[in-house]
N, C-alpha and C. Protein backbone atom coordinates (compact mmCIF):
# COMPACT_ATOMS: atom_id res chain seq x y z
N MET A 1 -9.15 -21.91 -48.14
CA MET A 1 -8.09 -21.75 -47.05
C MET A 1 -7.86 -20.31 -47.12
N GLU A 2 -7.70 -19.77 -48.16
CA GLU A 2 -7.64 -18.08 -48.14
C GLU A 2 -9.01 -17.50 -48.36
N GLY A 3 -9.84 -17.89 -48.83
CA GLY A 3 -11.60 -17.39 -48.53
C GLY A 3 -11.32 -17.33 -47.30
N ASP A 4 -11.36 -18.21 -46.67
CA ASP A 4 -12.11 -17.83 -45.15
C ASP A 4 -10.48 -17.07 -43.84
N VAL A 5 -9.40 -16.46 -44.74
CA VAL A 5 -8.81 -15.11 -43.92
C VAL A 5 -8.95 -14.01 -44.27
N ASN A 6 -9.51 -12.83 -43.52
CA ASN A 6 -8.95 -12.04 -43.37
C ASN A 6 -8.27 -10.90 -43.06
N VAL A 7 -7.95 -9.53 -43.74
CA VAL A 7 -6.97 -9.09 -42.67
C VAL A 7 -7.77 -8.13 -42.95
N THR A 8 -7.58 -7.03 -41.12
CA THR A 8 -7.77 -6.12 -41.36
C THR A 8 -7.34 -4.73 -41.10
N ILE A 9 -6.56 -3.72 -41.35
CA ILE A 9 -5.38 -2.66 -40.68
C ILE A 9 -6.85 -1.20 -40.64
N GLY A 10 -6.67 -1.10 -39.00
CA GLY A 10 -7.53 -0.41 -38.44
C GLY A 10 -8.93 -0.08 -38.97
N ASP A 11 -9.41 0.94 -39.93
CA ASP A 11 -10.99 0.11 -39.79
C ASP A 11 -11.14 0.17 -41.66
N ALA A 12 -9.89 -0.18 -42.64
CA ALA A 12 -10.10 -0.18 -43.97
C ALA A 12 -9.28 -2.21 -43.75
N VAL A 13 -10.38 -2.88 -44.75
CA VAL A 13 -9.86 -4.28 -45.32
C VAL A 13 -8.92 -4.53 -46.30
N CYS A 14 -7.96 -5.19 -45.60
CA CYS A 14 -6.70 -5.41 -47.14
C CYS A 14 -7.57 -6.24 -48.26
N LYS A 15 -7.20 -5.72 -48.72
CA LYS A 15 -7.56 -6.78 -49.87
C LYS A 15 -6.05 -7.48 -51.20
N ASP A 16 -6.88 -8.67 -51.75
CA ASP A 16 -5.29 -10.02 -52.30
C ASP A 16 -5.50 -10.13 -51.07
N VAL A 17 -5.97 -10.73 -50.39
CA VAL A 17 -5.10 -11.54 -49.54
C VAL A 17 -4.34 -13.44 -50.10
N THR A 18 -3.06 -13.77 -49.90
CA THR A 18 -2.53 -15.33 -50.42
C THR A 18 -2.07 -15.38 -48.98
N LEU A 19 -2.42 -16.61 -48.92
CA LEU A 19 -1.98 -17.52 -48.10
C LEU A 19 -0.71 -18.45 -48.34
N ILE A 20 0.30 -18.79 -48.43
CA ILE A 20 1.37 -19.95 -48.84
C ILE A 20 2.27 -20.08 -46.77
N ALA A 21 2.30 -21.54 -47.21
CA ALA A 21 2.47 -21.67 -46.15
C ALA A 21 2.25 -20.77 -44.56
N THR A 22 4.18 -20.04 -44.45
CA THR A 22 4.02 -19.77 -43.13
C THR A 22 4.12 -17.98 -43.43
N ARG A 23 3.55 -17.46 -44.77
CA ARG A 23 3.74 -16.60 -44.72
C ARG A 23 1.95 -16.04 -45.49
N LEU A 24 1.63 -14.84 -44.91
CA LEU A 24 0.82 -14.16 -45.05
C LEU A 24 0.85 -12.91 -45.31
N THR A 25 0.32 -12.84 -47.35
CA THR A 25 0.30 -11.44 -47.53
C THR A 25 -0.93 -10.44 -48.19
N CYS A 26 -0.72 -9.04 -48.02
CA CYS A 26 -1.88 -8.63 -48.77
C CYS A 26 -1.41 -7.58 -49.16
N SER A 27 -2.54 -6.82 -49.64
CA SER A 27 -2.36 -5.12 -50.66
C SER A 27 -2.89 -4.30 -49.68
N LEU A 28 -2.68 -3.81 -49.87
CA LEU A 28 -2.68 -3.08 -48.30
C LEU A 28 -3.30 -1.27 -49.16
N PRO A 29 -4.50 -0.96 -48.09
CA PRO A 29 -4.64 0.55 -48.44
C PRO A 29 -3.44 1.58 -48.67
N THR A 30 -4.10 2.71 -49.85
CA THR A 30 -3.27 3.94 -50.17
C THR A 30 -2.80 4.41 -49.57
N GLU A 31 -3.65 5.13 -48.37
CA GLU A 31 -3.83 5.89 -47.57
C GLU A 31 -3.65 4.85 -45.83
N GLN A 32 -3.10 5.39 -45.07
CA GLN A 32 -3.21 4.65 -44.10
C GLN A 32 -4.00 5.03 -43.21
N PRO A 33 -5.10 3.84 -42.82
CA PRO A 33 -6.65 3.86 -43.16
C PRO A 33 -6.30 4.58 -41.20
N GLN A 34 -7.94 5.06 -40.27
CA GLN A 34 -7.75 5.20 -39.44
C GLN A 34 -7.88 3.91 -38.12
N SER A 35 -7.49 4.50 -36.10
CA SER A 35 -6.93 3.20 -35.54
C SER A 35 -8.77 2.89 -35.38
N LYS A 36 -9.08 1.69 -35.59
CA LYS A 36 -10.20 1.10 -34.71
C LYS A 36 -10.76 1.35 -33.47
N THR A 37 -9.16 1.94 -32.24
CA THR A 37 -8.78 1.99 -31.12
C THR A 37 -8.95 3.13 -29.89
N GLY A 38 -8.54 3.89 -31.24
CA GLY A 38 -7.72 5.53 -31.24
C GLY A 38 -6.26 5.33 -31.33
N ALA A 39 -5.60 4.06 -31.05
CA ALA A 39 -4.03 4.51 -30.57
C ALA A 39 -3.80 5.38 -32.62
N GLU A 40 -1.69 5.57 -32.28
CA GLU A 40 -1.21 6.20 -33.49
C GLU A 40 -1.93 5.68 -34.48
N PHE A 41 -1.10 4.30 -34.71
CA PHE A 41 -1.75 3.98 -35.70
C PHE A 41 -2.84 3.16 -35.29
N PRO A 42 -2.76 2.39 -37.39
CA PRO A 42 -4.34 1.61 -36.78
C PRO A 42 -3.13 -0.34 -36.90
N GLU A 43 -4.24 -0.62 -36.52
CA GLU A 43 -4.20 -2.28 -35.96
C GLU A 43 -3.75 -2.74 -36.66
N VAL A 44 -3.25 -4.35 -37.46
CA VAL A 44 -3.28 -4.71 -38.46
C VAL A 44 -3.94 -6.16 -38.01
N VAL A 45 -4.80 -6.39 -37.76
CA VAL A 45 -6.00 -7.87 -37.04
C VAL A 45 -6.59 -9.28 -38.80
N VAL A 46 -5.45 -10.49 -37.74
CA VAL A 46 -6.19 -11.65 -39.09
C VAL A 46 -7.63 -12.15 -37.89
N HIS A 47 -8.68 -12.33 -39.51
CA HIS A 47 -9.61 -12.89 -39.16
C HIS A 47 -10.08 -14.33 -39.80
N HIS A 48 -9.72 -15.40 -39.11
CA HIS A 48 -9.78 -16.95 -39.42
C HIS A 48 -10.88 -17.67 -39.28
N GLY A 49 -12.20 -17.12 -39.97
CA GLY A 49 -13.30 -17.44 -38.96
C GLY A 49 -13.71 -17.01 -37.68
N ASN A 50 -14.13 -18.33 -36.63
CA ASN A 50 -14.31 -16.96 -35.32
C ASN A 50 -12.98 -16.59 -34.21
N LEU A 51 -12.22 -17.15 -35.10
CA LEU A 51 -10.43 -16.18 -34.31
C LEU A 51 -10.04 -15.19 -35.09
N ASN A 52 -9.70 -14.20 -34.04
CA ASN A 52 -8.80 -12.99 -34.77
C ASN A 52 -7.34 -12.66 -34.16
N PHE A 53 -6.80 -12.43 -34.43
CA PHE A 53 -5.41 -12.36 -33.75
C PHE A 53 -5.54 -10.42 -34.27
N THR A 54 -4.16 -9.95 -33.01
CA THR A 54 -4.29 -8.45 -33.63
C THR A 54 -2.60 -9.19 -33.71
N ILE A 55 -2.69 -8.62 -35.11
CA ILE A 55 -0.95 -9.00 -35.01
C ILE A 55 0.01 -8.25 -34.82
N GLY A 56 -0.02 -6.69 -34.58
CA GLY A 56 0.46 -5.38 -34.27
C GLY A 56 0.28 -4.26 -35.01
N GLN A 57 0.86 -3.23 -34.58
CA GLN A 57 0.32 -1.63 -35.24
C GLN A 57 1.20 -1.64 -36.50
N LEU A 58 0.41 -0.67 -37.80
CA LEU A 58 1.08 -0.82 -38.96
C LEU A 58 1.44 1.02 -38.98
N GLU A 59 2.53 1.22 -39.41
CA GLU A 59 2.58 2.61 -39.73
C GLU A 59 3.20 2.78 -40.78
N TYR A 60 2.33 3.72 -41.58
CA TYR A 60 3.12 4.28 -42.97
C TYR A 60 3.55 5.54 -43.09
N VAL A 61 5.10 4.95 -43.85
CA VAL A 61 5.88 5.70 -44.24
C VAL A 61 5.57 6.96 -45.28
N SER A 62 5.72 7.99 -45.68
CA SER A 62 5.31 8.79 -46.90
C SER A 62 7.05 8.17 -47.85
N GLU A 63 6.61 8.13 -48.66
CA GLU A 63 7.06 8.06 -50.41
C GLU A 63 7.75 9.49 -50.45
N ASN A 64 7.62 10.54 -50.16
CA ASN A 64 7.82 11.92 -50.35
C ASN A 64 9.40 12.12 -50.14
N TYR A 65 10.30 10.96 -50.87
CA TYR A 65 11.31 11.48 -50.39
C TYR A 65 11.59 13.06 -51.00
N LEU A 66 11.51 12.98 -52.31
CA LEU A 66 11.89 15.10 -52.42
C LEU A 66 12.19 15.94 -51.89
N VAL A 67 10.73 15.84 -51.30
CA VAL A 67 11.20 16.64 -50.49
C VAL A 67 12.63 17.03 -49.36
N TYR A 68 13.00 15.71 -48.50
CA TYR A 68 14.66 14.94 -48.32
C TYR A 68 15.34 15.80 -48.39
N ILE A 69 15.23 15.65 -50.08
CA ILE A 69 16.24 15.71 -50.94
C ILE A 69 16.54 16.86 -50.93
N LEU A 70 14.77 18.15 -51.42
CA LEU A 70 15.75 18.98 -51.33
C LEU A 70 16.13 20.30 -50.63
N MET A 71 15.69 19.61 -49.39
CA MET A 71 15.88 19.96 -47.69
C MET A 71 17.05 19.83 -47.37
N GLY A 72 17.80 18.65 -48.10
CA GLY A 72 19.58 18.33 -47.99
C GLY A 72 20.55 18.86 -49.13
N VAL A 73 20.33 19.01 -50.01
CA VAL A 73 20.72 19.73 -50.98
C VAL A 73 20.09 21.34 -50.14
N GLY A 74 19.07 21.97 -50.11
CA GLY A 74 19.38 23.02 -49.62
C GLY A 74 20.51 23.86 -48.29
N ILE A 75 20.43 22.39 -47.00
CA ILE A 75 21.79 22.46 -46.65
C ILE A 75 22.50 23.22 -46.87
N PHE A 76 23.00 22.10 -47.88
CA PHE A 76 24.36 21.23 -48.22
C PHE A 76 25.00 23.06 -48.98
N ILE A 77 23.92 24.25 -49.42
CA ILE A 77 24.26 25.27 -50.37
C ILE A 77 24.37 26.02 -48.91
N VAL A 78 23.55 26.06 -48.56
CA VAL A 78 23.61 27.43 -46.85
C VAL A 78 25.42 26.90 -46.32
N VAL A 79 25.42 26.03 -46.18
CA VAL A 79 26.88 25.48 -45.31
C VAL A 79 28.15 26.03 -46.41
N VAL A 80 27.68 25.50 -47.64
CA VAL A 80 28.74 26.44 -48.42
C VAL A 80 29.03 27.68 -48.60
N ILE A 81 27.93 28.39 -49.14
CA ILE A 81 27.75 30.04 -48.47
C ILE A 81 28.08 31.04 -47.52
N ALA A 82 28.19 29.63 -46.36
CA ALA A 82 28.93 30.29 -45.44
C ALA A 82 30.32 29.81 -45.63
N PHE A 83 30.82 29.03 -45.71
CA PHE A 83 32.01 28.26 -45.83
C PHE A 83 33.20 29.51 -47.03
N ILE A 84 32.00 29.82 -47.59
CA ILE A 84 32.83 30.92 -48.86
C ILE A 84 33.33 32.46 -48.27
N ALA A 85 32.11 32.41 -47.16
CA ALA A 85 31.25 34.15 -47.00
C ALA A 85 32.88 34.04 -45.62
N VAL A 86 33.08 32.88 -44.59
CA VAL A 86 34.48 33.34 -44.14
C VAL A 86 35.63 33.42 -44.71
N LEU A 87 35.69 32.41 -45.55
CA LEU A 87 37.41 32.39 -46.64
C LEU A 87 37.51 33.82 -46.99
N VAL A 88 36.28 34.27 -47.88
CA VAL A 88 36.48 35.37 -47.60
C VAL A 88 36.98 36.74 -47.12
N TRP A 89 36.17 36.22 -45.68
CA TRP A 89 36.19 37.81 -44.90
C TRP A 89 37.82 36.96 -43.66
N LEU A 90 38.61 35.69 -43.44
CA LEU A 90 39.69 35.37 -43.23
C LEU A 90 40.35 36.43 -44.75
N CYS A 91 40.19 36.55 -45.58
CA CYS A 91 40.83 37.32 -46.86
C CYS A 91 41.45 38.18 -46.20
N LYS A 92 40.20 39.07 -46.33
CA LYS A 92 40.28 40.77 -46.13
C LYS A 92 40.73 41.05 -44.90
N VAL A 93 40.56 40.14 -44.14
CA VAL A 93 40.97 40.94 -42.56
C VAL A 93 42.38 39.75 -42.40
N SER A 94 42.84 39.26 -43.54
CA SER A 94 44.41 38.59 -42.90
C SER A 94 45.85 39.51 -43.18
N PRO A 95 45.48 40.25 -44.38
CA PRO A 95 45.95 41.84 -45.18
C PRO A 95 46.16 42.72 -43.76
N SER A 96 45.18 43.14 -43.56
CA SER A 96 44.80 44.28 -42.68
C SER A 96 46.02 43.56 -41.33
N TYR A 97 45.77 42.48 -40.53
CA TYR A 97 46.53 41.84 -39.65
C TYR A 97 47.37 42.06 -39.32
N THR A 98 48.15 41.10 -40.53
CA THR A 98 49.44 41.25 -40.53
C THR A 98 50.61 43.17 -41.18
N THR A 99 49.13 43.90 -41.92
CA THR A 99 50.55 45.18 -42.11
C THR A 99 49.82 45.31 -40.17
N VAL A 100 49.23 45.88 -40.26
CA VAL A 100 49.48 45.55 -38.11
C VAL A 100 50.91 45.78 -37.79
N GLN A 101 51.00 44.96 -37.94
CA GLN A 101 51.70 43.84 -37.05
C GLN A 101 53.07 44.68 -37.48
N GLU A 102 53.26 44.67 -39.13
CA GLU A 102 54.24 44.96 -39.75
C GLU A 102 54.86 46.90 -39.75
N MET A 103 53.00 46.57 -38.76
CA MET A 103 53.41 48.54 -38.45
C MET A 103 53.09 49.05 -36.93
N GLU A 104 53.74 47.77 -36.19
CA GLU A 104 53.64 47.27 -34.35
C GLU A 104 55.31 47.29 -34.76
N THR A 105 56.01 46.31 -35.57
CA THR A 105 57.07 45.92 -35.51
C THR A 105 58.49 47.57 -36.16
N HIS A 106 57.84 47.67 -36.75
CA HIS A 106 58.25 49.48 -37.46
C HIS A 106 58.66 50.38 -36.40
N ARG A 107 57.54 50.65 -35.69
CA ARG A 107 57.54 51.90 -34.26
C ARG A 107 58.06 51.18 -33.41
N GLU A 108 58.36 49.24 -33.03
CA GLU A 108 59.11 49.29 -32.10
C GLU A 108 60.65 50.35 -32.43
N GLN A 109 60.49 49.46 -33.64
CA GLN A 109 62.48 49.85 -34.50
C GLN A 109 62.38 51.34 -34.36
N LEU A 110 61.79 52.19 -34.66
CA LEU A 110 61.75 53.85 -34.35
C LEU A 110 62.53 53.31 -33.11
N ASP A 111 61.76 53.56 -32.22
CA ASP A 111 61.35 53.83 -30.87
C ASP A 111 62.79 53.33 -29.92
N LEU A 112 63.60 52.32 -30.54
CA LEU A 112 64.14 51.87 -30.66
C LEU A 112 65.28 52.45 -30.89
N GLN A 113 65.44 53.28 -32.12
CA GLN A 113 66.59 54.04 -32.37
C GLN A 113 66.36 55.88 -31.91
N ALA A 114 64.85 55.73 -31.92
CA ALA A 114 64.98 56.61 -31.49
C ALA A 114 65.85 56.65 -29.44
N ALA A 115 65.55 56.06 -29.46
CA ALA A 115 66.96 55.84 -28.18
C ALA A 115 67.64 55.50 -27.88
N GLN A 116 68.37 55.25 -29.13
CA GLN A 116 69.98 55.42 -29.29
C GLN A 116 70.00 56.51 -29.77
N GLU A 117 69.38 57.18 -30.28
CA GLU A 117 69.99 58.64 -31.16
C GLU A 117 70.16 59.75 -29.65
N SER A 118 69.00 59.03 -28.60
CA SER A 118 68.63 59.85 -27.32
C SER A 118 70.69 59.55 -26.94
N LYS A 119 70.71 58.29 -26.90
CA LYS A 119 71.70 58.10 -25.87
C LYS A 119 72.91 58.48 -25.94
N ASP A 120 73.34 58.25 -27.75
CA ASP A 120 73.91 59.56 -28.76
C ASP A 120 74.45 60.65 -28.01
N VAL A 121 73.64 61.04 -28.04
CA VAL A 121 72.87 62.43 -27.81
C VAL A 121 73.73 62.88 -26.64
N GLU A 122 72.70 62.30 -25.54
CA GLU A 122 73.43 62.62 -24.84
C GLU A 122 75.22 62.45 -23.67
N ALA A 123 75.49 61.65 -24.78
CA ALA A 123 76.93 60.87 -24.52
C ALA A 123 77.25 62.00 -24.62
N THR A 124 77.06 62.48 -26.30
CA THR A 124 77.81 64.40 -26.84
C THR A 124 78.50 64.80 -25.67
N ASN A 125 77.30 65.28 -25.59
CA ASN A 125 76.83 66.37 -24.50
C ASN A 125 77.88 66.08 -22.68
N LEU A 126 77.89 65.03 -22.47
CA LEU A 126 78.45 64.96 -21.40
C LEU A 126 79.88 64.99 -21.73
N ARG A 127 81.11 64.52 -22.69
CA ARG A 127 81.92 64.62 -23.89
C ARG A 127 81.91 66.08 -23.89
N GLY A 128 81.31 66.36 -24.10
CA GLY A 128 81.17 68.08 -24.71
C GLY A 128 81.63 69.02 -23.10
N ASP A 129 80.57 68.86 -22.44
CA ASP A 129 80.73 69.82 -20.69
C ASP A 129 81.77 69.22 -20.29
N SER A 130 82.40 67.85 -19.93
CA SER A 130 83.22 67.72 -19.93
C SER A 130 85.00 67.80 -19.98
N GLU A 131 84.82 68.15 -21.67
CA GLU A 131 86.22 69.57 -22.03
C GLU A 131 86.64 70.52 -21.88
């Protein structure tokens, strides 16, 4: 029975076809074959005698996970460096900002003192003129 069944994936023949009850398996070609119909992915066709059954299309997924892992690590490193740069910038800016606030508070206190002294001098002058 297994000898009567052939499987093609695109323009390549699937090797070592095994038929067990309701399951059909075979060894895939190592590279994704070309589609016979010009579709993006090759079609899986089961041939049994003079019958042909198109199962669907098969997309090979790259097993090159190392590229994705390195990209993830690279992005993580960039994010960490950016985070550290923001923290360093905030540490440098924060003391300057508090210094500016302190200077503004001190200036306001000096303005109030000057206004009070001006009032005192004016009041003294007024009392001196009236005597």
